[in-house]
Amino acid sequence: MDSTEQINQHGYIHRKQDYLKRLRRIEGQARGLQRMVEEEKYCVDILTQVSAMTKALQSVALGLLDEHMSHCVVEAAKAGGPEADAKVKEASEAIARLVRS
């Protein structure tokens, strides 16, 4: 891999398998929720599982945000110029979306 490929890699790449495992687990939780509704389980039990799934997704999102800030934003800031401004704006907008969700 040349230096250009290293620079263009996403910050999360070194933890890609961890993220994939977590997302597969969340996918399983979603199927479990569907089953609970199909089987007409108790509302509060379903809501408890929705909460667990939401927390799992938030954990993935925060991890990816941290990776983005420490890799993509830092690298752009080092380079300076309009790309740095764009990355900071992009990160701020991502944080705002997470806070609203």
N, C-alpha and C. Protein backbone atom coordinates (compact mmCIF):
# COMPACT_ATOMS: atom_id res chain seq x y z
N MET A 1 0.86 -1.18 0.00
CA MET A 1 0.00 0.00 0.00
C MET A 1 0.90 1.23 0.00
N ASP A 2 0.62 2.20 -0.92
CA ASP A 2 1.45 3.39 -0.94
C ASP A 2 0.92 4.44 0.03
N SER A 3 1.66 5.52 0.20
CA SER A 3 1.28 6.53 1.19
C SER A 3 -0.04 7.20 0.85
N THR A 4 -0.38 7.35 -0.42
CA THR A 4 -1.66 7.93 -0.81
C THR A 4 -2.81 7.06 -0.34
N GLU A 5 -2.68 5.73 -0.48
CA GLU A 5 -3.73 4.82 -0.01
C GLU A 5 -3.86 4.90 1.50
N GLN A 6 -2.76 5.01 2.22
CA GLN A 6 -2.82 5.10 3.67
C GLN A 6 -3.54 6.36 4.11
N ILE A 7 -3.26 7.49 3.43
CA ILE A 7 -3.90 8.75 3.77
C ILE A 7 -5.40 8.68 3.53
N ASN A 8 -5.83 8.01 2.45
CA ASN A 8 -7.23 7.97 2.08
C ASN A 8 -8.04 6.91 2.81
N GLN A 9 -7.39 6.11 3.66
CA GLN A 9 -8.14 5.10 4.42
C GLN A 9 -9.02 5.78 5.46
N HIS A 10 -10.13 5.16 5.72
CA HIS A 10 -11.02 5.66 6.76
C HIS A 10 -10.40 5.36 8.12
N GLY A 11 -10.67 6.23 9.09
CA GLY A 11 -10.08 6.10 10.42
C GLY A 11 -10.47 4.83 11.14
N TYR A 12 -11.62 4.29 10.85
CA TYR A 12 -12.10 3.10 11.55
C TYR A 12 -11.53 1.79 11.02
N ILE A 13 -10.77 1.85 9.93
CA ILE A 13 -10.36 0.64 9.20
C ILE A 13 -9.65 -0.38 10.09
N HIS A 14 -8.88 0.10 11.06
CA HIS A 14 -8.16 -0.84 11.94
C HIS A 14 -9.10 -1.57 12.90
N ARG A 15 -10.33 -1.10 13.04
CA ARG A 15 -11.32 -1.76 13.90
C ARG A 15 -12.53 -2.25 13.09
N LYS A 16 -12.35 -2.38 11.80
CA LYS A 16 -13.44 -2.76 10.91
C LYS A 16 -14.15 -4.03 11.36
N GLN A 17 -13.39 -5.06 11.69
CA GLN A 17 -14.01 -6.33 12.10
C GLN A 17 -14.82 -6.18 13.38
N ASP A 18 -14.35 -5.36 14.32
CA ASP A 18 -15.11 -5.10 15.55
C ASP A 18 -16.45 -4.44 15.21
N TYR A 19 -16.40 -3.43 14.34
CA TYR A 19 -17.64 -2.76 13.95
C TYR A 19 -18.59 -3.71 13.24
N LEU A 20 -18.06 -4.55 12.36
CA LEU A 20 -18.92 -5.51 11.66
C LEU A 20 -19.57 -6.48 12.63
N LYS A 21 -18.82 -6.96 13.62
CA LYS A 21 -19.40 -7.87 14.63
C LYS A 21 -20.52 -7.18 15.39
N ARG A 22 -20.28 -5.95 15.79
CA ARG A 22 -21.29 -5.21 16.55
C ARG A 22 -22.53 -4.97 15.71
N LEU A 23 -22.33 -4.63 14.43
CA LEU A 23 -23.48 -4.38 13.55
C LEU A 23 -24.26 -5.66 13.27
N ARG A 24 -23.58 -6.78 13.17
CA ARG A 24 -24.28 -8.06 13.00
C ARG A 24 -25.11 -8.38 14.24
N ARG A 25 -24.56 -8.08 15.40
CA ARG A 25 -25.31 -8.30 16.64
C ARG A 25 -26.55 -7.41 16.67
N ILE A 26 -26.41 -6.17 16.24
CA ILE A 26 -27.55 -5.25 16.18
C ILE A 26 -28.58 -5.75 15.17
N GLU A 27 -28.11 -6.28 14.05
CA GLU A 27 -29.01 -6.86 13.05
C GLU A 27 -29.83 -7.99 13.68
N GLY A 28 -29.18 -8.80 14.48
CA GLY A 28 -29.87 -9.88 15.18
C GLY A 28 -30.90 -9.34 16.16
N GLN A 29 -30.54 -8.25 16.83
CA GLN A 29 -31.50 -7.62 17.75
C GLN A 29 -32.73 -7.14 16.98
N ALA A 30 -32.53 -6.58 15.78
CA ALA A 30 -33.66 -6.09 14.98
C ALA A 30 -34.57 -7.26 14.59
N ARG A 31 -33.97 -8.38 14.22
CA ARG A 31 -34.79 -9.56 13.89
C ARG A 31 -35.54 -10.04 15.13
N GLY A 32 -34.88 -9.98 16.27
CA GLY A 32 -35.53 -10.37 17.52
C GLY A 32 -36.72 -9.48 17.84
N LEU A 33 -36.57 -8.19 17.57
CA LEU A 33 -37.69 -7.26 17.79
C LEU A 33 -38.86 -7.58 16.87
N GLN A 34 -38.55 -7.89 15.63
CA GLN A 34 -39.62 -8.26 14.69
C GLN A 34 -40.37 -9.49 15.20
N ARG A 35 -39.61 -10.46 15.68
CA ARG A 35 -40.21 -11.69 16.21
C ARG A 35 -41.10 -11.37 17.41
N MET A 36 -40.61 -10.49 18.28
CA MET A 36 -41.39 -10.14 19.47
C MET A 36 -42.73 -9.53 19.09
N VAL A 37 -42.72 -8.66 18.07
CA VAL A 37 -43.97 -8.04 17.62
C VAL A 37 -44.86 -9.10 16.96
N GLU A 38 -44.29 -9.94 16.12
CA GLU A 38 -45.06 -11.00 15.48
C GLU A 38 -45.73 -11.89 16.53
N GLU A 39 -44.99 -12.18 17.61
CA GLU A 39 -45.50 -13.06 18.67
C GLU A 39 -46.32 -12.30 19.71
N GLU A 40 -46.53 -11.01 19.46
CA GLU A 40 -47.35 -10.16 20.33
C GLU A 40 -46.87 -10.17 21.78
N LYS A 41 -45.57 -10.00 21.95
CA LYS A 41 -44.99 -9.93 23.29
C LYS A 41 -45.43 -8.65 23.98
N TYR A 42 -45.21 -8.60 25.28
CA TYR A 42 -45.60 -7.47 26.12
C TYR A 42 -44.87 -6.20 25.68
N CYS A 43 -45.62 -5.10 25.60
CA CYS A 43 -45.09 -3.82 25.10
C CYS A 43 -43.80 -3.39 25.79
N VAL A 44 -43.78 -3.46 27.11
CA VAL A 44 -42.62 -2.99 27.86
C VAL A 44 -41.39 -3.86 27.56
N ASP A 45 -41.60 -5.14 27.34
CA ASP A 45 -40.48 -6.01 26.97
C ASP A 45 -39.90 -5.61 25.61
N ILE A 46 -40.77 -5.26 24.68
CA ILE A 46 -40.32 -4.81 23.36
C ILE A 46 -39.57 -3.49 23.50
N LEU A 47 -40.13 -2.57 24.28
CA LEU A 47 -39.48 -1.27 24.48
C LEU A 47 -38.11 -1.42 25.13
N THR A 48 -37.97 -2.37 26.02
CA THR A 48 -36.67 -2.64 26.65
C THR A 48 -35.65 -3.07 25.61
N GLN A 49 -36.08 -3.91 24.69
CA GLN A 49 -35.17 -4.36 23.63
C GLN A 49 -34.86 -3.24 22.64
N VAL A 50 -35.84 -2.38 22.37
CA VAL A 50 -35.61 -1.22 21.50
C VAL A 50 -34.55 -0.32 22.14
N SER A 51 -34.66 -0.13 23.44
CA SER A 51 -33.69 0.69 24.16
C SER A 51 -32.29 0.09 24.07
N ALA A 52 -32.19 -1.22 24.23
CA ALA A 52 -30.89 -1.89 24.14
C ALA A 52 -30.29 -1.73 22.75
N MET A 53 -31.14 -1.87 21.74
CA MET A 53 -30.66 -1.73 20.36
C MET A 53 -30.24 -0.29 20.08
N THR A 54 -31.00 0.66 20.58
CA THR A 54 -30.66 2.07 20.41
C THR A 54 -29.31 2.38 21.04
N LYS A 55 -29.08 1.86 22.24
CA LYS A 55 -27.80 2.07 22.91
C LYS A 55 -26.65 1.44 22.13
N ALA A 56 -26.89 0.28 21.56
CA ALA A 56 -25.86 -0.39 20.75
C ALA A 56 -25.53 0.43 19.51
N LEU A 57 -26.55 0.97 18.85
CA LEU A 57 -26.31 1.82 17.68
C LEU A 57 -25.59 3.10 18.06
N GLN A 58 -25.97 3.68 19.19
CA GLN A 58 -25.29 4.89 19.66
C GLN A 58 -23.82 4.61 19.96
N SER A 59 -23.54 3.46 20.49
CA SER A 59 -22.16 3.09 20.78
C SER A 59 -21.34 2.99 19.50
N VAL A 60 -21.91 2.38 18.47
CA VAL A 60 -21.24 2.30 17.17
C VAL A 60 -21.03 3.71 16.62
N ALA A 61 -22.06 4.53 16.68
CA ALA A 61 -21.97 5.89 16.15
C ALA A 61 -20.89 6.69 16.87
N LEU A 62 -20.83 6.60 18.19
CA LEU A 62 -19.82 7.33 18.94
C LEU A 62 -18.42 6.84 18.63
N GLY A 63 -18.28 5.54 18.45
CA GLY A 63 -16.98 4.99 18.08
C GLY A 63 -16.53 5.49 16.73
N LEU A 64 -17.44 5.48 15.76
CA LEU A 64 -17.11 5.98 14.42
C LEU A 64 -16.81 7.48 14.44
N LEU A 65 -17.56 8.22 15.24
CA LEU A 65 -17.32 9.65 15.36
C LEU A 65 -15.93 9.91 15.94
N ASP A 66 -15.58 9.16 16.97
CA ASP A 66 -14.26 9.30 17.58
C ASP A 66 -13.16 8.99 16.55
N GLU A 67 -13.36 7.91 15.79
CA GLU A 67 -12.39 7.55 14.76
C GLU A 67 -12.29 8.66 13.72
N HIS A 68 -13.42 9.21 13.32
CA HIS A 68 -13.44 10.27 12.32
C HIS A 68 -12.70 11.51 12.82
N MET A 69 -12.97 11.87 14.06
CA MET A 69 -12.33 13.06 14.63
C MET A 69 -10.82 12.87 14.75
N SER A 70 -10.41 11.72 15.24
CA SER A 70 -8.99 11.50 15.51
C SER A 70 -8.19 11.18 14.26
N HIS A 71 -8.87 10.83 13.18
CA HIS A 71 -8.14 10.50 11.95
C HIS A 71 -8.43 11.54 10.86
N CYS A 72 -9.63 11.53 10.34
CA CYS A 72 -9.97 12.36 9.19
C CYS A 72 -9.88 13.86 9.50
N VAL A 73 -10.45 14.27 10.62
CA VAL A 73 -10.45 15.70 10.96
C VAL A 73 -9.04 16.16 11.33
N VAL A 74 -8.32 15.36 12.10
CA VAL A 74 -6.96 15.73 12.47
C VAL A 74 -6.07 15.85 11.24
N GLU A 75 -6.17 14.87 10.33
CA GLU A 75 -5.36 14.92 9.11
C GLU A 75 -5.70 16.15 8.26
N ALA A 76 -6.98 16.45 8.15
CA ALA A 76 -7.39 17.63 7.37
C ALA A 76 -6.91 18.91 8.05
N ALA A 77 -6.97 18.96 9.37
CA ALA A 77 -6.51 20.14 10.11
C ALA A 77 -5.01 20.35 9.90
N LYS A 78 -4.27 19.25 9.88
CA LYS A 78 -2.82 19.36 9.62
C LYS A 78 -2.55 19.94 8.24
N ALA A 79 -3.37 19.53 7.26
CA ALA A 79 -3.20 20.02 5.89
C ALA A 79 -3.64 21.47 5.76
N GLY A 80 -4.64 21.85 6.57
CA GLY A 80 -5.13 23.22 6.54
C GLY A 80 -5.99 23.50 5.33
N GLY A 81 -6.32 24.76 5.17
CA GLY A 81 -7.08 25.20 4.00
C GLY A 81 -8.55 24.84 4.04
N PRO A 82 -9.20 24.91 2.88
CA PRO A 82 -10.64 24.67 2.82
C PRO A 82 -11.05 23.26 3.21
N GLU A 83 -10.16 22.28 2.96
CA GLU A 83 -10.49 20.91 3.34
C GLU A 83 -10.64 20.78 4.86
N ALA A 84 -9.77 21.47 5.60
CA ALA A 84 -9.86 21.44 7.06
C ALA A 84 -11.18 22.04 7.52
N ASP A 85 -11.55 23.17 6.95
CA ASP A 85 -12.82 23.81 7.31
C ASP A 85 -14.00 22.90 6.99
N ALA A 86 -13.93 22.25 5.84
CA ALA A 86 -15.02 21.35 5.42
C ALA A 86 -15.13 20.16 6.36
N LYS A 87 -14.01 19.57 6.77
CA LYS A 87 -14.04 18.41 7.68
C LYS A 87 -14.58 18.80 9.04
N VAL A 88 -14.20 19.96 9.55
CA VAL A 88 -14.72 20.41 10.85
C VAL A 88 -16.22 20.65 10.76
N LYS A 89 -16.66 21.28 9.67
CA LYS A 89 -18.10 21.51 9.48
C LYS A 89 -18.85 20.18 9.38
N GLU A 90 -18.29 19.26 8.61
CA GLU A 90 -18.89 17.94 8.45
C GLU A 90 -19.01 17.23 9.80
N ALA A 91 -17.96 17.29 10.61
CA ALA A 91 -17.99 16.65 11.93
C ALA A 91 -19.02 17.32 12.83
N SER A 92 -19.09 18.64 12.79
CA SER A 92 -20.08 19.36 13.61
C SER A 92 -21.50 18.96 13.23
N GLU A 93 -21.74 18.83 11.93
CA GLU A 93 -23.07 18.42 11.47
C GLU A 93 -23.39 17.00 11.90
N ALA A 94 -22.39 16.12 11.85
CA ALA A 94 -22.60 14.73 12.30
C ALA A 94 -22.92 14.69 13.78
N ILE A 95 -22.21 15.49 14.56
CA ILE A 95 -22.48 15.54 16.01
C ILE A 95 -23.89 16.06 16.25
N ALA A 96 -24.29 17.09 15.53
CA ALA A 96 -25.64 17.64 15.69
C ALA A 96 -26.69 16.59 15.38
N ARG A 97 -26.47 15.79 14.33
CA ARG A 97 -27.44 14.73 14.00
C ARG A 97 -27.52 13.70 15.12
N LEU A 98 -26.36 13.35 15.69
CA LEU A 98 -26.37 12.37 16.77
C LEU A 98 -27.08 12.91 18.01
N VAL A 99 -26.88 14.17 18.31
CA VAL A 99 -27.51 14.77 19.48
C VAL A 99 -29.02 14.82 19.31
N ARG A 100 -29.47 15.09 18.08
CA ARG A 100 -30.92 15.15 17.82
C ARG A 100 -31.59 13.79 17.84
N SER A 101 -30.81 12.74 17.58
CA SER A 101 -31.43 11.42 17.46
C SER A 101 -31.73 10.80 18.80
